[in-house]
N, C-alpha and C. Protein backbone atom coordinates (compact mmCIF):
# COMPACT_ATOMS: atom_id res chain seq x y z
N MET A 1 -69.54 131.94 120.81
CA MET A 1 -68.16 132.22 121.19
C MET A 1 -67.31 132.40 119.94
N ASP A 2 -66.30 133.25 120.05
CA ASP A 2 -65.38 133.49 118.94
C ASP A 2 -64.19 132.54 119.09
N ASP A 3 -64.35 131.34 118.53
CA ASP A 3 -63.32 130.31 118.70
C ASP A 3 -61.99 130.71 118.06
N VAL A 4 -62.06 131.36 116.90
CA VAL A 4 -60.82 131.72 116.20
C VAL A 4 -60.01 132.71 117.03
N THR A 5 -60.66 133.73 117.57
CA THR A 5 -59.95 134.70 118.40
C THR A 5 -59.37 134.03 119.65
N PHE A 6 -60.14 133.13 120.26
CA PHE A 6 -59.65 132.43 121.45
C PHE A 6 -58.39 131.64 121.13
N ILE A 7 -58.41 130.88 120.02
CA ILE A 7 -57.24 130.06 119.67
C ILE A 7 -56.07 130.94 119.26
N ARG A 8 -56.34 132.06 118.58
CA ARG A 8 -55.26 133.01 118.27
C ARG A 8 -54.60 133.50 119.56
N ASP A 9 -55.42 133.83 120.56
CA ASP A 9 -54.88 134.32 121.83
C ASP A 9 -54.06 133.24 122.54
N VAL A 10 -54.53 131.98 122.47
CA VAL A 10 -53.77 130.88 123.07
C VAL A 10 -52.40 130.76 122.41
N ILE A 11 -52.37 130.79 121.08
CA ILE A 11 -51.09 130.69 120.35
C ILE A 11 -50.17 131.83 120.76
N ASP A 12 -50.70 133.05 120.79
CA ASP A 12 -49.86 134.21 121.12
C ASP A 12 -49.34 134.15 122.55
N THR A 13 -50.19 133.70 123.47
CA THR A 13 -49.76 133.60 124.87
C THR A 13 -48.67 132.56 125.05
N VAL A 14 -48.86 131.39 124.44
CA VAL A 14 -47.88 130.31 124.59
C VAL A 14 -46.55 130.68 123.94
N THR A 15 -46.61 131.23 122.72
CA THR A 15 -45.35 131.56 122.02
C THR A 15 -44.64 132.75 122.65
N THR A 16 -45.38 133.59 123.37
CA THR A 16 -44.75 134.73 124.05
C THR A 16 -44.13 134.32 125.38
N ASN A 17 -44.80 133.45 126.11
CA ASN A 17 -44.37 133.11 127.47
C ASN A 17 -43.45 131.90 127.55
N HIS A 18 -43.28 131.18 126.46
CA HIS A 18 -42.46 129.98 126.48
C HIS A 18 -41.54 129.96 125.26
N ALA A 19 -40.52 129.11 125.33
CA ALA A 19 -39.54 129.03 124.25
C ALA A 19 -40.09 128.17 123.10
N ILE A 20 -41.06 128.73 122.40
CA ILE A 20 -41.73 128.02 121.31
C ILE A 20 -41.22 128.56 119.98
N ASP A 21 -40.93 127.66 119.07
CA ASP A 21 -40.52 128.05 117.72
C ASP A 21 -41.76 128.51 116.95
N ARG A 22 -41.85 129.80 116.66
CA ARG A 22 -43.02 130.35 115.98
C ARG A 22 -43.16 129.84 114.55
N LEU A 23 -42.12 129.25 114.02
CA LEU A 23 -42.20 128.67 112.67
C LEU A 23 -42.79 127.26 112.69
N ARG A 24 -43.06 126.75 113.90
CA ARG A 24 -43.58 125.39 114.03
C ARG A 24 -44.84 125.36 114.91
N VAL A 25 -45.84 126.09 114.47
CA VAL A 25 -47.15 126.07 115.12
C VAL A 25 -48.09 125.30 114.21
N TYR A 26 -48.70 124.24 114.74
CA TYR A 26 -49.49 123.33 113.92
C TYR A 26 -50.86 123.08 114.56
N ILE A 27 -51.81 122.73 113.72
CA ILE A 27 -53.16 122.39 114.17
C ILE A 27 -53.55 121.05 113.58
N ALA A 28 -54.07 120.14 114.41
CA ALA A 28 -54.59 118.86 113.92
C ALA A 28 -55.96 118.62 114.54
N GLY A 29 -56.85 117.98 113.79
CA GLY A 29 -58.18 117.72 114.33
C GLY A 29 -58.86 116.56 113.63
N PHE A 30 -59.83 115.98 114.34
CA PHE A 30 -60.61 114.85 113.82
C PHE A 30 -62.07 115.25 113.69
N SER A 31 -62.70 114.88 112.58
CA SER A 31 -64.12 115.12 112.33
C SER A 31 -64.43 116.61 112.45
N ARG A 32 -65.29 117.02 113.40
CA ARG A 32 -65.58 118.45 113.53
C ARG A 32 -64.33 119.23 113.99
N GLY A 33 -63.46 118.56 114.73
CA GLY A 33 -62.19 119.20 115.07
C GLY A 33 -61.35 119.44 113.83
N GLY A 34 -61.46 118.54 112.85
CA GLY A 34 -60.79 118.73 111.58
C GLY A 34 -61.37 119.90 110.81
N MET A 35 -62.69 120.06 110.91
CA MET A 35 -63.33 121.21 110.26
C MET A 35 -62.84 122.51 110.87
N MET A 36 -62.64 122.51 112.19
CA MET A 36 -62.06 123.68 112.84
C MET A 36 -60.62 123.91 112.38
N ALA A 37 -59.87 122.82 112.18
CA ALA A 37 -58.49 122.96 111.70
C ALA A 37 -58.47 123.63 110.33
N TYR A 38 -59.40 123.25 109.46
CA TYR A 38 -59.49 123.92 108.16
C TYR A 38 -59.75 125.42 108.34
N ARG A 39 -60.70 125.74 109.23
CA ARG A 39 -61.04 127.15 109.44
C ARG A 39 -59.84 127.93 109.97
N LEU A 40 -59.11 127.32 110.89
CA LEU A 40 -57.94 128.01 111.44
C LEU A 40 -56.85 128.17 110.38
N GLY A 41 -56.73 127.19 109.49
CA GLY A 41 -55.79 127.33 108.39
C GLY A 41 -56.17 128.50 107.50
N CYS A 42 -57.47 128.71 107.32
CA CYS A 42 -57.95 129.84 106.51
C CYS A 42 -57.70 131.17 107.21
N GLU A 43 -58.00 131.24 108.51
CA GLU A 43 -58.05 132.51 109.21
C GLU A 43 -56.81 132.84 110.05
N LEU A 44 -55.99 131.84 110.36
CA LEU A 44 -54.79 132.10 111.16
C LEU A 44 -53.52 131.72 110.39
N ALA A 45 -53.55 131.94 109.09
CA ALA A 45 -52.40 131.56 108.26
C ALA A 45 -51.16 132.39 108.58
N ASP A 46 -51.34 133.50 109.29
CA ASP A 46 -50.18 134.28 109.70
C ASP A 46 -49.49 133.70 110.93
N ARG A 47 -50.07 132.64 111.50
CA ARG A 47 -49.48 132.02 112.69
C ARG A 47 -49.23 130.52 112.52
N VAL A 48 -49.99 129.86 111.67
CA VAL A 48 -49.97 128.40 111.57
C VAL A 48 -49.15 127.95 110.36
N ALA A 49 -48.25 127.02 110.60
CA ALA A 49 -47.40 126.51 109.53
C ALA A 49 -48.11 125.45 108.71
N ALA A 50 -48.86 124.56 109.38
CA ALA A 50 -49.50 123.45 108.69
C ALA A 50 -50.69 122.97 109.50
N ILE A 51 -51.63 122.34 108.79
CA ILE A 51 -52.78 121.72 109.45
C ILE A 51 -52.87 120.27 108.99
N ALA A 52 -53.43 119.44 109.86
CA ALA A 52 -53.70 118.04 109.52
C ALA A 52 -55.15 117.75 109.88
N VAL A 53 -55.87 117.14 108.96
CA VAL A 53 -57.30 116.90 109.15
C VAL A 53 -57.60 115.42 108.91
N VAL A 54 -58.20 114.78 109.92
CA VAL A 54 -58.62 113.38 109.80
C VAL A 54 -60.14 113.35 109.77
N ALA A 55 -60.70 112.79 108.70
CA ALA A 55 -62.16 112.60 108.56
C ALA A 55 -62.92 113.91 108.72
N GLY A 56 -62.39 114.99 108.17
CA GLY A 56 -63.04 116.28 108.24
C GLY A 56 -63.43 116.78 106.86
N ASN A 57 -63.98 117.99 106.81
CA ASN A 57 -64.41 118.58 105.55
C ASN A 57 -64.41 120.09 105.69
N MET A 58 -64.49 120.78 104.56
CA MET A 58 -64.50 122.23 104.56
C MET A 58 -65.53 122.73 103.56
N SER A 59 -66.68 123.15 104.06
CA SER A 59 -67.73 123.72 103.21
C SER A 59 -68.80 124.31 104.11
N ASP A 60 -69.76 125.04 103.51
CA ASP A 60 -70.91 125.45 104.30
C ASP A 60 -71.88 124.28 104.38
N ARG A 61 -73.03 124.45 105.00
CA ARG A 61 -73.94 123.34 105.23
C ARG A 61 -74.55 122.79 103.93
N HIS A 62 -74.36 123.54 102.83
CA HIS A 62 -74.89 123.08 101.54
C HIS A 62 -73.80 122.47 100.66
N GLY A 63 -72.59 122.31 101.21
CA GLY A 63 -71.50 121.68 100.46
C GLY A 63 -70.71 122.64 99.60
N SER A 64 -70.83 123.95 99.84
CA SER A 64 -70.12 124.93 99.04
C SER A 64 -68.83 125.36 99.73
N ILE A 65 -67.71 125.23 99.02
CA ILE A 65 -66.43 125.73 99.54
C ILE A 65 -66.31 127.22 99.31
N ASP A 66 -66.75 127.69 98.15
CA ASP A 66 -66.61 129.11 97.81
C ASP A 66 -67.36 130.01 98.79
N ALA A 67 -68.46 129.51 99.36
CA ALA A 67 -69.24 130.32 100.29
C ALA A 67 -68.45 130.66 101.55
N LEU A 68 -67.40 129.88 101.86
CA LEU A 68 -66.60 130.14 103.06
C LEU A 68 -65.61 131.27 102.87
N ARG A 69 -65.29 131.59 101.63
CA ARG A 69 -64.33 132.66 101.33
C ARG A 69 -63.01 132.42 102.05
N CYS A 70 -62.49 131.23 101.92
CA CYS A 70 -61.20 130.88 102.55
C CYS A 70 -60.07 131.40 101.69
N ARG A 71 -59.47 132.51 102.14
CA ARG A 71 -58.36 133.11 101.41
C ARG A 71 -57.22 133.38 102.39
N PRO A 72 -56.42 132.36 102.72
CA PRO A 72 -55.33 132.53 103.70
C PRO A 72 -54.37 133.64 103.26
N VAL A 73 -53.85 134.39 104.25
CA VAL A 73 -52.93 135.47 103.94
C VAL A 73 -51.53 134.94 103.65
N ALA A 74 -51.30 133.66 103.89
CA ALA A 74 -50.01 133.04 103.63
C ALA A 74 -50.24 131.55 103.36
N PRO A 75 -49.29 130.89 102.70
CA PRO A 75 -49.45 129.45 102.44
C PRO A 75 -49.46 128.65 103.75
N VAL A 76 -50.28 127.62 103.78
CA VAL A 76 -50.37 126.70 104.92
C VAL A 76 -50.36 125.27 104.38
N SER A 77 -49.39 124.48 104.79
CA SER A 77 -49.34 123.08 104.34
C SER A 77 -50.53 122.31 104.89
N LEU A 78 -51.02 121.35 104.10
CA LEU A 78 -52.18 120.55 104.49
C LEU A 78 -51.88 119.07 104.33
N PHE A 79 -52.23 118.29 105.36
CA PHE A 79 -52.20 116.83 105.28
C PHE A 79 -53.59 116.34 105.66
N ALA A 80 -54.31 115.78 104.68
CA ALA A 80 -55.66 115.26 104.92
C ALA A 80 -55.64 113.74 104.89
N ILE A 81 -56.34 113.12 105.85
CA ILE A 81 -56.46 111.67 105.93
C ILE A 81 -57.95 111.34 105.97
N HIS A 82 -58.38 110.42 105.11
CA HIS A 82 -59.82 110.14 105.03
C HIS A 82 -60.05 108.70 104.58
N GLY A 83 -61.03 108.05 105.18
CA GLY A 83 -61.42 106.70 104.79
C GLY A 83 -62.41 106.73 103.64
N THR A 84 -62.24 105.84 102.67
CA THR A 84 -63.13 105.83 101.51
C THR A 84 -64.53 105.34 101.86
N ASP A 85 -64.70 104.67 103.02
CA ASP A 85 -66.01 104.18 103.44
C ASP A 85 -66.55 104.96 104.64
N ASP A 86 -66.12 106.20 104.80
CA ASP A 86 -66.61 107.05 105.88
C ASP A 86 -68.09 107.36 105.63
N ARG A 87 -68.96 106.94 106.55
CA ARG A 87 -70.40 107.13 106.38
C ARG A 87 -70.93 108.34 107.15
N ASN A 88 -70.05 109.03 107.86
CA ASN A 88 -70.44 110.26 108.55
C ASN A 88 -70.11 111.49 107.72
N VAL A 89 -68.86 111.53 107.24
CA VAL A 89 -68.40 112.61 106.37
C VAL A 89 -67.89 111.94 105.08
N PRO A 90 -68.78 111.68 104.13
CA PRO A 90 -68.40 110.89 102.96
C PRO A 90 -67.32 111.57 102.13
N ILE A 91 -66.34 110.80 101.70
CA ILE A 91 -65.21 111.33 100.94
C ILE A 91 -65.66 111.90 99.61
N SER A 92 -66.77 111.40 99.08
CA SER A 92 -67.29 111.87 97.79
C SER A 92 -68.21 113.07 97.96
N GLY A 93 -68.48 113.49 99.19
CA GLY A 93 -69.35 114.63 99.44
C GLY A 93 -70.80 114.22 99.63
N GLY A 94 -71.65 115.22 99.86
CA GLY A 94 -73.06 114.97 100.09
C GLY A 94 -73.38 114.73 101.56
N VAL A 95 -74.59 114.24 101.81
CA VAL A 95 -75.04 113.96 103.16
C VAL A 95 -74.49 112.61 103.62
N GLY A 96 -74.07 112.53 104.88
CA GLY A 96 -73.57 111.27 105.43
C GLY A 96 -74.66 110.21 105.45
N PRO A 97 -74.42 109.02 104.90
CA PRO A 97 -75.44 107.96 104.88
C PRO A 97 -75.97 107.59 106.25
N ASP A 98 -75.11 107.58 107.26
CA ASP A 98 -75.58 107.22 108.61
C ASP A 98 -76.53 108.27 109.16
N GLU A 99 -76.23 109.54 108.92
CA GLU A 99 -77.12 110.60 109.39
C GLU A 99 -78.46 110.53 108.66
N LEU A 100 -78.40 110.29 107.36
CA LEU A 100 -79.63 110.18 106.57
C LEU A 100 -80.48 109.01 107.05
N ALA A 101 -79.84 107.87 107.30
CA ALA A 101 -80.58 106.69 107.76
C ALA A 101 -81.20 106.93 109.13
N TYR A 102 -80.49 107.65 110.00
CA TYR A 102 -80.99 107.93 111.35
C TYR A 102 -82.32 108.67 111.29
N PHE A 103 -82.38 109.71 110.48
CA PHE A 103 -83.60 110.51 110.44
C PHE A 103 -84.70 109.85 109.62
N LYS A 104 -84.33 109.04 108.63
CA LYS A 104 -85.35 108.32 107.88
C LYS A 104 -86.05 107.30 108.76
N ALA A 105 -85.33 106.77 109.74
CA ALA A 105 -85.93 105.80 110.67
C ALA A 105 -86.76 106.47 111.75
N ARG A 106 -86.76 107.80 111.77
CA ARG A 106 -87.50 108.55 112.80
C ARG A 106 -88.33 109.65 112.14
N PRO A 107 -89.34 109.28 111.37
CA PRO A 107 -90.14 110.28 110.66
C PRO A 107 -90.83 111.28 111.58
N GLU A 108 -91.00 110.91 112.85
CA GLU A 108 -91.65 111.83 113.78
C GLU A 108 -90.82 113.09 114.04
N LEU A 109 -89.53 113.04 113.69
CA LEU A 109 -88.68 114.22 113.86
C LEU A 109 -88.88 115.25 112.75
N VAL A 110 -89.55 114.83 111.68
CA VAL A 110 -89.88 115.71 110.55
C VAL A 110 -88.63 116.41 110.01
N VAL A 111 -87.59 115.63 109.75
CA VAL A 111 -86.36 116.14 109.16
C VAL A 111 -86.23 115.57 107.76
N VAL A 112 -86.09 116.42 106.76
CA VAL A 112 -85.92 115.96 105.38
C VAL A 112 -84.47 116.17 104.97
N GLU A 113 -84.11 115.60 103.82
CA GLU A 113 -82.71 115.62 103.41
C GLU A 113 -82.18 117.04 103.25
N ASP A 114 -83.01 117.97 102.81
CA ASP A 114 -82.55 119.35 102.64
C ASP A 114 -82.18 120.01 103.96
N ASP A 115 -82.65 119.44 105.08
CA ASP A 115 -82.33 119.99 106.40
C ASP A 115 -80.95 119.54 106.89
N LEU A 116 -80.40 118.51 106.27
CA LEU A 116 -79.17 117.91 106.76
C LEU A 116 -77.94 118.60 106.19
N ILE A 117 -76.82 118.42 106.87
CA ILE A 117 -75.56 119.01 106.41
C ILE A 117 -75.02 118.21 105.23
N SER A 118 -74.67 118.93 104.17
CA SER A 118 -74.06 118.31 102.99
C SER A 118 -72.60 118.73 102.93
N TYR A 119 -71.73 117.81 102.57
CA TYR A 119 -70.29 118.09 102.53
C TYR A 119 -69.79 118.21 101.09
N ALA A 120 -68.70 118.92 100.91
CA ALA A 120 -68.06 119.02 99.60
C ALA A 120 -67.25 117.74 99.34
N PRO A 121 -67.11 117.33 98.08
CA PRO A 121 -66.18 116.22 97.79
C PRO A 121 -64.78 116.58 98.28
N LEU A 122 -64.10 115.63 98.89
CA LEU A 122 -62.78 115.93 99.44
C LEU A 122 -61.80 116.34 98.34
N THR A 123 -61.99 115.83 97.14
CA THR A 123 -61.12 116.25 96.03
C THR A 123 -61.24 117.76 95.79
N ASP A 124 -62.45 118.31 95.99
CA ASP A 124 -62.64 119.76 95.81
C ASP A 124 -61.96 120.53 96.94
N VAL A 125 -62.02 120.01 98.15
CA VAL A 125 -61.36 120.66 99.29
C VAL A 125 -59.85 120.71 99.05
N VAL A 126 -59.29 119.57 98.64
CA VAL A 126 -57.85 119.51 98.39
C VAL A 126 -57.47 120.43 97.22
N ALA A 127 -58.30 120.47 96.19
CA ALA A 127 -58.03 121.34 95.04
C ALA A 127 -58.01 122.81 95.46
N HIS A 128 -58.89 123.18 96.40
CA HIS A 128 -58.89 124.56 96.89
C HIS A 128 -57.56 124.90 97.56
N TRP A 129 -57.06 124.01 98.41
CA TRP A 129 -55.79 124.27 99.09
C TRP A 129 -54.61 124.22 98.13
N ARG A 130 -54.73 123.42 97.10
CA ARG A 130 -53.67 123.44 96.08
C ARG A 130 -53.62 124.80 95.38
N ARG A 131 -54.81 125.37 95.13
CA ARG A 131 -54.86 126.67 94.46
C ARG A 131 -54.31 127.78 95.35
N VAL A 132 -54.79 127.85 96.59
CA VAL A 132 -54.37 128.97 97.45
C VAL A 132 -52.89 128.87 97.80
N ASN A 133 -52.34 127.66 97.78
CA ASN A 133 -50.91 127.47 98.07
C ASN A 133 -50.04 127.55 96.82
N ARG A 134 -50.70 127.70 95.66
CA ARG A 134 -49.99 127.76 94.37
C ARG A 134 -49.14 126.52 94.13
N CYS A 135 -49.76 125.37 94.33
CA CYS A 135 -49.07 124.10 94.12
C CYS A 135 -48.83 123.84 92.63
N SER A 136 -47.78 123.12 92.37
CA SER A 136 -47.51 122.65 91.02
C SER A 136 -48.58 121.63 90.61
N GLU A 137 -48.83 121.52 89.31
CA GLU A 137 -49.77 120.52 88.81
C GLU A 137 -49.20 119.11 88.92
N ALA A 138 -47.87 119.03 89.06
CA ALA A 138 -47.23 117.72 89.16
C ALA A 138 -47.70 117.01 90.43
N GLU A 139 -48.07 115.75 90.27
CA GLU A 139 -48.61 114.98 91.39
C GLU A 139 -47.77 113.72 91.59
N ASN A 140 -47.40 113.48 92.85
CA ASN A 140 -46.70 112.25 93.19
C ASN A 140 -47.69 111.31 93.88
N ILE A 141 -47.79 110.09 93.40
CA ILE A 141 -48.77 109.14 93.95
C ILE A 141 -48.04 107.88 94.41
N GLU A 142 -48.37 107.44 95.63
CA GLU A 142 -47.90 106.16 96.15
C GLU A 142 -49.11 105.33 96.54
N SER A 143 -49.16 104.10 96.05
CA SER A 143 -50.32 103.25 96.34
C SER A 143 -49.89 101.94 96.96
N SER A 144 -50.76 101.42 97.82
CA SER A 144 -50.57 100.10 98.40
C SER A 144 -51.93 99.42 98.40
N ALA A 145 -51.98 98.22 98.95
CA ALA A 145 -53.26 97.51 99.00
C ALA A 145 -54.25 98.19 99.92
N SER A 146 -53.75 98.97 100.87
CA SER A 146 -54.64 99.56 101.89
C SER A 146 -54.84 101.06 101.76
N SER A 147 -54.01 101.75 100.98
CA SER A 147 -54.14 103.21 100.93
C SER A 147 -53.47 103.79 99.69
N THR A 148 -53.81 105.04 99.43
CA THR A 148 -53.18 105.82 98.37
C THR A 148 -52.85 107.19 98.93
N ILE A 149 -51.63 107.67 98.66
CA ILE A 149 -51.26 109.01 99.09
C ILE A 149 -50.86 109.83 97.87
N GLN A 150 -51.45 111.03 97.79
CA GLN A 150 -51.18 111.96 96.70
C GLN A 150 -50.49 113.18 97.29
N ARG A 151 -49.46 113.67 96.58
CA ARG A 151 -48.68 114.80 97.09
C ARG A 151 -48.50 115.85 95.99
N TRP A 152 -48.61 117.12 96.41
CA TRP A 152 -48.35 118.24 95.53
C TRP A 152 -47.43 119.21 96.26
N ARG A 153 -46.50 119.80 95.53
CA ARG A 153 -45.53 120.71 96.14
C ARG A 153 -45.83 122.15 95.74
N ALA A 154 -45.44 123.08 96.63
CA ALA A 154 -45.64 124.51 96.40
C ALA A 154 -44.37 125.26 96.79
N PRO A 155 -44.25 126.53 96.39
CA PRO A 155 -43.06 127.30 96.77
C PRO A 155 -42.90 127.39 98.29
N GLY A 156 -41.68 127.61 98.73
CA GLY A 156 -41.41 127.82 100.15
C GLY A 156 -41.48 126.57 101.00
N GLY A 157 -41.38 125.39 100.38
CA GLY A 157 -41.44 124.14 101.13
C GLY A 157 -42.84 123.74 101.55
N VAL A 158 -43.85 124.42 101.05
CA VAL A 158 -45.25 124.11 101.38
C VAL A 158 -45.70 122.90 100.58
N ALA A 159 -46.61 122.10 101.17
CA ALA A 159 -47.09 120.90 100.49
C ALA A 159 -48.56 120.66 100.82
N VAL A 160 -49.23 119.96 99.93
CA VAL A 160 -50.59 119.46 100.15
C VAL A 160 -50.54 117.96 99.92
N GLU A 161 -51.04 117.18 100.90
CA GLU A 161 -51.03 115.73 100.78
C GLU A 161 -52.38 115.16 101.19
N LEU A 162 -52.81 114.14 100.48
CA LEU A 162 -54.06 113.45 100.77
C LEU A 162 -53.80 111.96 100.88
N LEU A 163 -54.10 111.40 102.05
CA LEU A 163 -54.00 109.96 102.28
C LEU A 163 -55.40 109.37 102.32
N SER A 164 -55.73 108.56 101.34
CA SER A 164 -57.03 107.89 101.29
C SER A 164 -56.87 106.46 101.75
N ILE A 165 -57.60 106.08 102.78
CA ILE A 165 -57.52 104.72 103.32
C ILE A 165 -58.64 103.90 102.70
N ILE A 166 -58.28 102.90 101.95
CA ILE A 166 -59.25 102.08 101.22
C ILE A 166 -60.07 101.27 102.21
N GLY A 167 -61.37 101.54 102.25
CA GLY A 167 -62.25 100.87 103.19
C GLY A 167 -62.27 101.48 104.58
N GLY A 168 -61.57 102.59 104.76
CA GLY A 168 -61.50 103.23 106.07
C GLY A 168 -62.82 103.86 106.47
N ALA A 169 -63.07 103.90 107.79
CA ALA A 169 -64.33 104.43 108.32
C ALA A 169 -64.09 105.79 108.98
N HIS A 170 -65.08 106.26 109.75
CA HIS A 170 -65.00 107.56 110.41
C HIS A 170 -64.32 107.39 111.77
N VAL A 171 -63.02 107.14 111.74
CA VAL A 171 -62.24 106.92 112.96
C VAL A 171 -60.86 107.55 112.78
N TRP A 172 -60.12 107.62 113.90
CA TRP A 172 -58.71 108.05 113.85
C TRP A 172 -57.89 106.79 113.59
N PRO A 173 -57.28 106.65 112.41
CA PRO A 173 -56.55 105.41 112.09
C PRO A 173 -55.32 105.23 112.97
N GLY A 174 -55.08 103.97 113.31
CA GLY A 174 -53.90 103.69 114.12
C GLY A 174 -54.02 102.37 114.85
N PRO A 175 -53.08 102.09 115.73
CA PRO A 175 -53.04 100.78 116.41
C PRO A 175 -54.22 100.52 117.34
N ALA A 176 -55.00 101.55 117.68
CA ALA A 176 -56.17 101.33 118.53
C ALA A 176 -57.32 100.68 117.78
N GLN A 177 -57.25 100.68 116.44
CA GLN A 177 -58.32 100.08 115.64
C GLN A 177 -58.16 98.56 115.57
N SER A 178 -59.21 97.89 115.14
CA SER A 178 -59.20 96.42 115.10
C SER A 178 -58.07 95.90 114.23
N PRO A 179 -57.27 94.97 114.75
CA PRO A 179 -56.17 94.40 113.96
C PRO A 179 -56.68 93.84 112.64
N GLY A 180 -55.99 94.15 111.57
CA GLY A 180 -56.38 93.67 110.26
C GLY A 180 -57.37 94.54 109.53
N SER A 181 -57.95 95.54 110.22
CA SER A 181 -58.90 96.44 109.58
C SER A 181 -58.15 97.48 108.76
N PRO A 182 -58.82 98.08 107.76
CA PRO A 182 -58.15 99.12 106.97
C PRO A 182 -57.60 100.25 107.84
N ASP A 183 -58.34 100.62 108.90
CA ASP A 183 -57.93 101.74 109.74
C ASP A 183 -56.77 101.42 110.67
N ALA A 184 -56.39 100.15 110.75
CA ALA A 184 -55.21 99.78 111.52
C ALA A 184 -53.96 99.70 110.64
N SER A 185 -54.14 99.96 109.34
CA SER A 185 -53.03 99.80 108.40
C SER A 185 -52.05 100.97 108.43
N VAL A 186 -52.47 102.12 109.00
CA VAL A 186 -51.59 103.28 109.11
C VAL A 186 -51.73 103.86 110.51
N ASP A 187 -50.73 104.60 110.95
CA ASP A 187 -50.76 105.29 112.24
C ASP A 187 -50.86 106.78 111.96
N ALA A 188 -52.08 107.33 112.03
CA ALA A 188 -52.30 108.72 111.68
C ALA A 188 -51.46 109.67 112.54
N SER A 189 -51.35 109.37 113.83
CA SER A 189 -50.58 110.25 114.73
C SER A 189 -49.13 110.35 114.28
N GLU A 190 -48.55 109.21 113.97
CA GLU A 190 -47.13 109.19 113.55
C GLU A 190 -46.95 109.90 112.21
N LEU A 191 -47.86 109.65 111.27
CA LEU A 191 -47.76 110.27 109.95
C LEU A 191 -47.91 111.79 110.04
N ILE A 192 -48.84 112.24 110.87
CA ILE A 192 -49.05 113.68 111.04
C ILE A 192 -47.83 114.32 111.68
N ALA A 193 -47.28 113.69 112.71
CA ALA A 193 -46.08 114.24 113.36
C ALA A 193 -44.94 114.36 112.35
N ASP A 194 -44.76 113.34 111.52
CA ASP A 194 -43.69 113.38 110.52
C ASP A 194 -43.94 114.50 109.51
N PHE A 195 -45.21 114.67 109.11
CA PHE A 195 -45.55 115.73 108.15
C PHE A 195 -45.25 117.10 108.75
N PHE A 196 -45.64 117.30 110.00
CA PHE A 196 -45.39 118.58 110.65
C PHE A 196 -43.89 118.86 110.75
N ILE A 197 -43.12 117.86 111.12
CA ILE A 197 -41.67 118.05 111.24
C ILE A 197 -41.07 118.52 109.92
N ARG A 198 -41.59 117.98 108.83
CA ARG A 198 -41.05 118.31 107.50
C ARG A 198 -41.54 119.65 106.96
N HIS A 199 -42.55 120.25 107.61
CA HIS A 199 -43.15 121.45 107.01
C HIS A 199 -43.32 122.60 108.00
N PRO A 200 -42.19 123.20 108.43
CA PRO A 200 -42.29 124.44 109.20
C PRO A 200 -42.61 125.60 108.25
N ARG A 201 -43.00 126.72 108.81
CA ARG A 201 -43.14 127.93 107.99
C ARG A 201 -41.75 128.40 107.59
N SER A 202 -41.64 128.88 106.38
CA SER A 202 -40.36 129.44 105.96
C SER A 202 -40.17 130.80 106.60
N GLU A 203 -38.95 131.20 106.82
CA GLU A 203 -38.68 132.50 107.42
C GLU A 203 -39.15 133.63 106.50
N ASP A 204 -39.10 133.40 105.19
CA ASP A 204 -39.56 134.43 104.24
C ASP A 204 -41.06 134.66 104.41
N ILE A 205 -41.83 133.55 104.51
CA ILE A 205 -43.27 133.69 104.70
C ILE A 205 -43.58 134.35 106.02
N ALA A 206 -42.83 133.99 107.07
CA ALA A 206 -43.05 134.59 108.38
C ALA A 206 -42.81 136.09 108.35
N ARG A 207 -41.77 136.53 107.63
CA ARG A 207 -41.48 137.97 107.54
C ARG A 207 -42.59 138.70 106.79
N GLU A 208 -43.10 138.06 105.74
CA GLU A 208 -44.14 138.71 104.92
C GLU A 208 -45.43 138.91 105.68
N THR A 209 -45.71 138.05 106.69
CA THR A 209 -46.98 138.15 107.42
C THR A 209 -46.81 138.74 108.81
N ALA A 210 -45.59 139.17 109.14
CA ALA A 210 -45.34 139.71 110.49
C ALA A 210 -46.04 141.05 110.67
């Protein structure tokens, strides 16, 4: 199925038939849904103002970002949230330890490490979006006992932000997580909503891609 065309058609139908602000179309996703959000940011930059990705990644199955040829036609703000102890999509890249352990415990499946999906380091993913958005090298960092957030600014009100949750796992952080756990220390839904509110598409960018 052509998921990108389907989602483009959904956006066009909704914004045509309802009183939707075309400068405020956003995509958010978790894990593989986050990977789709990255893809839509790459391919639907003429419609999407910003994307938010929780516990996702952007690369081919060998961990290469360049192989994807992600060249958005317009800037797209990015807010990435990731746990430093994510064992499914490791923040440092490579094969997820849990996936590797699963197949090592089942040798009858005859799956070797080269058969598994490898991810790019999240720092490389963020660096790619900083480049395509033409972000300033200036970095603003806020740290606490439970998390670190890094921010970079770009022309037209565009931004790239990375929230790293210290000890966070492969989950959607928020009040549904165990009290006192690293993933309960922030509310991803609230933070993403605030980020989206602050980052609509500029009218100049919208005109350039119309």
